[in-house]
Amino acid sequence: MDNDTRLRSYRAAAYMTREQLRRDAPDKARDLDEVTASDVVVVRGCYDHVETVLQALEVPHTTIDVRDVDRVELRPEQLLIVNCPGQVSPRAVKRIRRFVEAGGSLFTTDWALKHVLEPAFPGVLAFNDRPTADDVVRIEVRDPDNIYLEGVLDGQDDPQWWLEGSSYPIRIVDRERVEVLITSRELGEKYGEEPVAVWFRWGEGDVFHMISHYYLQRTELRTQRHAASAGAYFEEKSMAMPDELICECDNLSLGEVESAKPSAAFMRNVVVERKRRQKKAAGKDAGDKD
């Protein structure tokens, strides 16, 4: 999948996820619209580009370089996203841990498992030392009613998750602490561990981690349904394709948009819940002052 196709797939998927939120949860849609650039801080990575998904979702955010984590102000109401490879300094590891302990939310991808999570939160997650091949696997959700999984998979959805060559399978060390959100039986059969996306609390904050790159690089059209047009996917969701996407979706397949949608919807949910918690805390503080 070339970069233009990836970008168009994410723009279509992001439009779909935002419209579904406006239709099904207008209060959450308003929270998403209230997100500011200071709410979400993205650490650039040379391999992954979560900020591209945020741009497609029209979520304001601030991007910083890896070296900036040593000195940038991190506030507990923020969401910090660390792109793969996440090779931050030992000082930055300590600052990230303190940020989460104070109430911040951390989202990491792939190699950041080893570079950030293992040293910052020892005894919780680990790389299983069986790196993947360049591969594509089917994914499943554990609990579709989980607040972070709403709209990630629904109806006939059968998305494929891309595994970058040498992605790090996630071994769960502390099974009482970690909640597995997205899994893949196919991933487990091939590489020994099923988790695709996990979540855990630490101190007053929480941590999300996903295997491979969050920004989709390629997919596979495994079925006749996957090969259908992007327009057919909009029809499945009982949603009209807007005029501005008609040309964008030209030559896009259902499978390409469908595989971009889980990451768009999942990130939307993470950002919304972070914003809702921020607003709740601000309201409590105002009440305390009164």
Protein backbone atom coordinates (compact mmCIF):
# COMPACT_ATOMS: atom_id res chain seq x y z
CA MET A 1 0.00 0.00 0.00
CA ASP A 2 1.57 3.30 -1.06
CA ASN A 3 1.51 6.36 1.20
CA ASP A 4 -1.24 8.11 -0.77
CA THR A 5 -3.51 5.07 -0.40
CA ARG A 6 -2.76 4.89 3.33
CA LEU A 7 -3.58 8.56 3.83
CA ARG A 8 -6.83 8.31 1.88
CA SER A 9 -7.81 5.15 3.79
CA TYR A 10 -7.28 6.93 7.11
CA ARG A 11 -9.17 10.02 6.05
CA ALA A 12 -12.15 7.86 5.07
CA ALA A 13 -11.94 5.79 8.26
CA ALA A 14 -11.53 8.88 10.44
CA TYR A 15 -14.55 10.56 8.88
CA MET A 16 -16.57 7.43 9.54
CA THR A 17 -15.51 7.19 13.19
CA ARG A 18 -16.22 10.86 13.90
CA GLU A 19 -19.65 10.68 12.27
CA GLN A 20 -20.52 7.51 14.19
CA LEU A 21 -19.58 9.32 17.40
CA ARG A 22 -21.74 12.33 16.51
CA ARG A 23 -24.65 9.99 15.76
CA ASP A 24 -24.33 7.59 18.69
CA ALA A 25 -22.68 9.65 21.45
CA PRO A 26 -23.03 13.40 20.77
CA ASP A 27 -21.71 14.29 24.23
CA LYS A 28 -18.48 12.45 23.48
CA ALA A 29 -18.33 14.09 20.05
CA ARG A 30 -18.41 17.46 21.80
CA ASP A 31 -15.59 16.35 24.09
CA LEU A 32 -13.53 15.39 21.05
CA ASP A 33 -14.18 18.78 19.48
CA GLU A 34 -12.90 20.46 22.67
CA VAL A 35 -9.48 18.78 22.59
CA THR A 36 -6.65 21.31 22.30
CA ALA A 37 -3.09 20.91 21.04
CA SER A 38 -1.74 20.96 24.59
CA ASP A 39 -3.90 17.97 25.57
CA VAL A 40 -2.04 15.48 23.36
CA VAL A 41 1.75 15.35 23.10
CA VAL A 42 3.29 13.10 20.44
CA VAL A 43 6.94 12.03 20.53
CA ARG A 44 8.11 11.63 16.95
CA GLY A 45 9.42 8.26 15.84
CA CYS A 46 11.40 7.25 12.79
CA TYR A 47 9.31 4.11 12.26
CA ASP A 48 5.78 4.91 13.41
CA HIS A 49 3.63 8.01 12.87
CA VAL A 50 0.59 8.05 15.17
CA GLU A 51 0.30 11.78 14.47
CA THR A 52 -0.91 10.91 10.96
CA VAL A 53 -3.93 9.16 12.46
CA LEU A 54 -4.56 12.17 14.74
CA GLN A 55 -4.38 14.49 11.73
CA ALA A 56 -6.94 12.37 9.88
CA LEU A 57 -9.18 12.52 12.96
CA GLU A 58 -8.67 16.31 13.08
CA VAL A 59 -7.43 16.03 16.66
CA PRO A 60 -5.16 18.94 17.65
CA HIS A 61 -1.84 17.82 19.13
CA THR A 62 1.73 18.90 19.82
CA THR A 63 4.68 17.01 18.37
CA ILE A 64 8.11 16.92 20.00
CA ASP A 65 11.41 15.18 19.32
CA VAL A 66 12.72 12.31 21.43
CA ARG A 67 15.37 14.49 23.04
CA ASP A 68 12.66 16.93 24.20
CA VAL A 69 11.18 14.37 26.59
CA ASP A 70 14.12 15.11 28.91
CA ARG A 71 12.91 18.66 29.53
CA VAL A 72 9.36 19.27 28.22
CA GLU A 73 6.71 20.00 30.84
CA LEU A 74 4.34 17.04 31.18
CA ARG A 75 1.08 17.62 33.03
CA PRO A 76 -1.04 14.82 34.53
CA GLU A 77 -4.10 15.79 32.48
CA GLN A 78 -2.27 15.08 29.21
CA LEU A 79 -2.03 12.11 26.85
CA LEU A 80 1.59 11.34 25.88
CA ILE A 81 2.10 9.22 22.76
CA VAL A 82 5.53 7.69 22.13
CA ASN A 83 6.05 6.42 18.59
CA CYS A 84 8.23 3.41 17.83
CA PRO A 85 11.15 3.00 18.47
CA GLY A 86 10.84 5.15 21.60
CA GLN A 87 14.55 5.24 22.36
CA VAL A 88 14.36 7.86 25.09
CA SER A 89 17.06 8.60 27.67
CA PRO A 90 17.14 7.09 31.20
CA ARG A 91 16.17 10.54 32.48
CA ALA A 92 13.16 10.58 30.16
CA VAL A 93 12.12 7.09 31.33
CA LYS A 94 11.98 8.38 34.93
CA ARG A 95 10.05 11.48 33.87
CA ILE A 96 7.53 9.36 31.96
CA ARG A 97 7.01 7.11 34.98
CA ARG A 98 6.43 10.12 37.24
CA PHE A 99 4.03 11.58 34.66
CA VAL A 100 1.89 8.42 34.69
CA GLU A 101 2.07 8.05 38.47
CA ALA A 102 0.71 11.59 38.80
CA GLY A 103 -2.30 10.80 36.58
CA GLY A 104 -1.06 11.07 32.99
CA SER A 105 -2.01 8.71 30.17
CA LEU A 106 0.75 7.08 28.10
CA PHE A 107 0.31 5.43 24.70
CA THR A 108 3.24 3.54 23.14
CA THR A 109 3.81 1.41 20.05
CA ASP A 110 5.97 -1.59 19.17
CA TRP A 111 9.67 -1.24 20.16
CA ALA A 112 8.74 1.26 22.88
CA LEU A 113 7.73 -1.89 24.77
CA LYS A 114 11.43 -2.55 25.39
CA HIS A 115 12.75 1.02 25.40
CA VAL A 116 10.07 2.66 27.56
CA LEU A 117 7.67 0.25 29.24
CA GLU A 118 10.05 -2.42 30.51
CA PRO A 119 12.34 0.06 32.33
CA ALA A 120 9.60 2.50 33.40
CA PHE A 121 7.09 -0.09 34.64
CA PRO A 122 9.10 -3.21 35.51
CA GLY A 123 7.32 -6.50 35.94
CA VAL A 124 4.24 -5.59 33.91
CA LEU A 125 4.95 -6.30 30.22
CA ALA A 126 7.91 -7.70 28.28
CA PHE A 127 9.07 -8.49 24.76
CA ASN A 128 8.87 -12.27 24.29
CA ASP A 129 12.12 -12.37 22.24
CA ARG A 130 10.33 -13.75 19.17
CA PRO A 131 10.22 -10.84 16.69
CA THR A 132 7.65 -11.12 13.93
CA ALA A 133 8.08 -11.26 10.19
CA ASP A 134 6.51 -8.64 7.90
CA ASP A 135 3.02 -10.07 8.20
CA VAL A 136 -0.70 -9.37 8.38
CA VAL A 137 -3.03 -10.99 10.94
CA ARG A 138 -6.72 -10.90 11.79
CA ILE A 139 -7.68 -9.15 15.02
CA GLU A 140 -10.48 -9.60 17.56
CA VAL A 141 -11.74 -7.49 20.48
CA ARG A 142 -12.18 -8.98 23.95
CA ASP A 143 -15.05 -6.78 25.16
CA PRO A 144 -16.82 -4.60 22.58
CA ASP A 145 -18.56 -2.72 25.41
CA ASN A 146 -15.26 -1.51 26.87
CA ILE A 147 -15.11 2.30 26.63
CA TYR A 148 -11.90 2.11 24.63
CA LEU A 149 -13.31 -0.41 22.13
CA GLU A 150 -16.62 1.20 21.23
CA GLY A 151 -16.93 1.18 17.45
CA VAL A 152 -13.54 -0.46 16.92
CA LEU A 153 -15.14 -3.59 15.48
CA ASP A 154 -18.80 -3.94 14.65
CA GLY A 155 -21.11 -5.61 12.19
CA GLN A 156 -19.27 -7.62 9.54
CA ASP A 157 -15.89 -6.04 10.31
CA ASP A 158 -12.96 -8.35 9.60
CA PRO A 159 -9.90 -6.05 9.61
CA GLN A 160 -6.31 -7.12 9.11
CA TRP A 161 -3.54 -5.78 11.39
CA TRP A 162 -0.13 -5.21 9.84
CA LEU A 163 2.96 -6.47 11.65
CA GLU A 164 6.17 -4.65 10.79
CA GLY A 165 9.13 -6.98 10.32
CA SER A 166 10.73 -7.43 13.76
CA SER A 167 7.67 -6.23 15.68
CA TYR A 168 7.77 -7.15 19.36
CA PRO A 169 5.08 -9.58 20.60
CA ILE A 170 3.74 -8.59 24.01
CA ARG A 171 4.26 -10.99 26.91
CA ILE A 172 2.09 -10.17 29.90
CA VAL A 173 4.06 -10.52 33.12
CA ASP A 174 1.53 -9.12 35.61
CA ARG A 175 -1.74 -10.72 34.59
CA GLU A 176 -3.68 -9.20 37.47
CA ARG A 177 -2.76 -5.67 36.41
CA VAL A 178 -2.97 -5.89 32.61
CA GLU A 179 -6.20 -5.90 30.60
CA VAL A 180 -5.98 -7.20 27.04
CA LEU A 181 -8.17 -5.08 24.76
CA ILE A 182 -7.45 -6.42 21.27
CA THR A 183 -6.13 -9.88 20.46
CA SER A 184 -5.22 -12.02 17.47
CA ARG A 185 -5.37 -15.81 17.55
CA GLU A 186 -3.35 -15.76 14.35
CA LEU A 187 -0.64 -13.67 16.02
CA GLY A 188 -0.49 -16.13 18.92
CA GLU A 189 -0.22 -19.15 16.64
CA LYS A 190 2.62 -17.60 14.65
CA TYR A 191 4.60 -15.69 17.26
CA GLY A 192 3.63 -17.03 20.67
CA GLU A 193 1.57 -14.14 22.09
CA GLU A 194 -1.99 -13.07 21.21
CA PRO A 195 -2.19 -9.50 22.63
CA VAL A 196 -2.39 -6.70 20.05
CA ALA A 197 -3.44 -3.88 22.40
CA VAL A 198 -3.21 -3.81 26.20
CA TRP A 199 -3.98 -1.39 29.03
CA PHE A 200 -2.99 -1.10 32.65
CA ARG A 201 -3.17 1.35 35.53
CA TRP A 202 -0.05 2.69 37.24
CA GLY A 203 -0.38 5.07 40.15
CA GLU A 204 -3.04 7.65 39.29
CA GLY A 205 -2.56 7.22 35.52
CA ASP A 206 -2.72 4.53 32.87
CA VAL A 207 -0.75 3.02 29.99
CA PHE A 208 -1.78 1.74 26.55
CA HIS A 209 0.48 -0.28 24.29
CA MET A 210 0.04 -1.82 20.83
CA ILE A 211 2.19 -4.20 18.85
CA SER A 212 3.61 -3.04 15.50
CA HIS A 213 3.12 0.39 14.00
CA TYR A 214 -0.09 2.22 14.75
CA TYR A 215 -0.04 3.82 11.31
CA LEU A 216 -1.03 1.03 8.91
CA GLN A 217 1.56 0.24 6.23
CA ARG A 218 -0.24 -2.46 4.30
CA THR A 219 -3.15 -4.87 4.43
CA GLU A 220 -4.34 -7.99 2.64
CA LEU A 221 -7.59 -8.46 0.74
CA ARG A 222 -8.35 -12.00 1.84
CA THR A 223 -12.00 -12.24 0.84
CA GLN A 224 -14.30 -11.10 -1.95
CA ARG A 225 -15.85 -8.69 0.54
CA HIS A 226 -12.44 -7.11 1.26
CA ALA A 227 -12.00 -6.46 -2.46
CA ALA A 228 -15.29 -4.53 -2.71
CA SER A 229 -15.22 -0.75 -2.99
CA ALA A 230 -14.82 1.69 -0.10
CA GLY A 231 -18.33 2.86 -0.93
CA ALA A 232 -19.63 -0.60 -0.06
CA TYR A 233 -18.13 -0.22 3.42
CA PHE A 234 -19.99 3.07 3.92
CA GLU A 235 -23.17 1.29 2.84
CA GLU A 236 -22.53 -1.45 5.41
CA LYS A 237 -22.38 1.24 8.08
CA SER A 238 -25.58 2.89 6.79
CA MET A 239 -23.60 6.05 6.14
CA ALA A 240 -23.58 8.31 3.10
CA MET A 241 -20.18 9.12 1.69
CA PRO A 242 -19.70 12.92 1.69
CA ASP A 243 -18.89 14.70 -1.53
CA GLU A 244 -15.37 15.56 -0.38
CA LEU A 245 -14.54 11.86 0.02
CA ILE A 246 -15.95 10.58 -3.28
CA CYS A 247 -12.74 11.34 -5.18
CA GLU A 248 -10.61 10.44 -2.15
CA CYS A 249 -12.15 6.97 -2.05
CA ASP A 250 -11.79 6.34 -5.76
CA ASN A 251 -9.92 3.02 -6.18
CA LEU A 252 -9.90 2.38 -2.43
CA SER A 253 -11.10 -1.06 -1.35
CA LEU A 254 -13.39 -1.93 1.51
CA GLY A 255 -10.54 -3.87 3.11
CA GLU A 256 -8.19 -0.87 3.08
CA VAL A 257 -10.65 1.44 4.84
CA GLU A 258 -11.81 -1.33 7.17
CA SER A 259 -8.24 -2.03 8.30
CA ALA A 260 -7.63 1.68 8.99
CA LYS A 261 -10.82 2.07 11.00
CA PRO A 262 -9.86 0.11 14.18
CA SER A 263 -6.81 2.29 14.87
CA ALA A 264 -8.79 5.46 14.09
CA ALA A 265 -11.67 4.44 16.37
CA PHE A 266 -9.40 3.21 19.15
CA MET A 267 -7.38 6.43 19.19
CA ARG A 268 -10.59 8.47 19.08
CA ASN A 269 -11.81 6.63 22.18
CA VAL A 270 -8.54 7.09 24.05
CA VAL A 271 -8.47 10.83 23.33
CA VAL A 272 -12.14 11.28 24.25
CA GLU A 273 -11.83 9.45 27.58
CA ARG A 274 -8.68 11.38 28.46
CA LYS A 275 -10.53 14.65 27.75
CA ARG A 276 -13.57 13.56 29.77
CA ARG A 277 -11.37 12.70 32.75
CA GLN A 278 -9.60 16.04 32.41
CA LYS A 279 -12.91 17.92 32.45
CA LYS A 280 -14.19 15.88 35.40
CA ALA A 281 -11.03 16.64 37.39
CA ALA A 282 -11.27 20.33 36.52
CA GLY A 283 -14.90 20.39 37.69
CA LYS A 284 -13.95 18.70 40.95
CA ASP A 285 -11.15 21.22 41.51
CA ALA A 286 -13.55 24.10 40.89
CA GLY A 287 -16.00 22.57 43.35
CA ASP A 288 -13.28 22.16 45.95
CA LYS A 289 -12.33 25.83 45.62
CA ASP A 290 -15.95 26.90 46.03
